[in-house]
Amino acid sequence: MPDNWSFVIAAYAIAAVALGGYWRRLVRLERDVERRNARPRRPR
């Protein structure tokens, strides 16, 4: 098992990068939705 620690650490690093990227995407989408809802709507 000691020989595999580099792979375990690499897997955790990859997972952290993937989750960080997904988190950034969610934050950006949330901002877009809030911006869309904050616009005053034109009467029809």
Protein backbone atom coordinates (compact mmCIF):
# COMPACT_ATOMS: atom_id res chain seq x y z
CA MET A 1 0.00 0.00 0.00
CA PRO A 2 2.77 2.56 0.66
CA ASP A 3 3.72 2.45 -3.02
CA ASN A 4 0.29 3.71 -4.04
CA TRP A 5 0.20 6.93 -1.99
CA SER A 6 1.27 9.05 -4.94
CA PHE A 7 -1.74 7.79 -6.89
CA VAL A 8 -4.06 8.46 -3.96
CA ILE A 9 -2.75 12.01 -3.62
CA ALA A 10 -3.04 12.53 -7.38
CA ALA A 11 -6.64 11.29 -7.34
CA TYR A 12 -7.54 13.69 -4.51
CA ALA A 13 -5.85 16.55 -6.38
CA ILE A 14 -7.76 15.79 -9.58
CA ALA A 15 -11.03 15.58 -7.65
CA ALA A 16 -10.31 18.91 -5.93
CA VAL A 17 -9.59 20.62 -9.25
CA ALA A 18 -12.74 19.17 -10.84
CA LEU A 19 -14.94 20.18 -7.90
CA GLY A 20 -13.38 23.65 -7.84
CA GLY A 21 -14.13 24.12 -11.53
CA TYR A 22 -17.69 22.92 -11.07
CA TRP A 23 -18.15 25.28 -8.11
CA ARG A 24 -16.94 28.23 -10.21
CA ARG A 25 -19.40 27.28 -12.95
CA LEU A 26 -22.29 27.16 -10.48
CA VAL A 27 -21.36 30.57 -9.06
CA ARG A 28 -21.24 32.04 -12.58
CA LEU A 29 -24.64 30.54 -13.45
CA GLU A 30 -26.12 31.88 -10.21
CA ARG A 31 -24.85 35.38 -11.04
CA ASP A 32 -26.37 35.15 -14.52
CA VAL A 33 -29.75 34.13 -13.11
CA GLU A 34 -29.68 36.93 -10.52
CA ARG A 35 -28.72 39.44 -13.19
CA ARG A 36 -31.58 38.26 -15.41
CA ASN A 37 -34.09 38.53 -12.57
CA ALA A 38 -32.84 41.97 -11.49
CA ARG A 39 -33.51 43.60 -14.86
CA PRO A 40 -36.64 45.68 -14.98
CA ARG A 41 -39.12 44.15 -17.35
CA ARG A 42 -40.77 46.12 -20.10
CA PRO A 43 -44.54 46.19 -20.07
CA ARG A 44 -46.08 44.44 -23.03
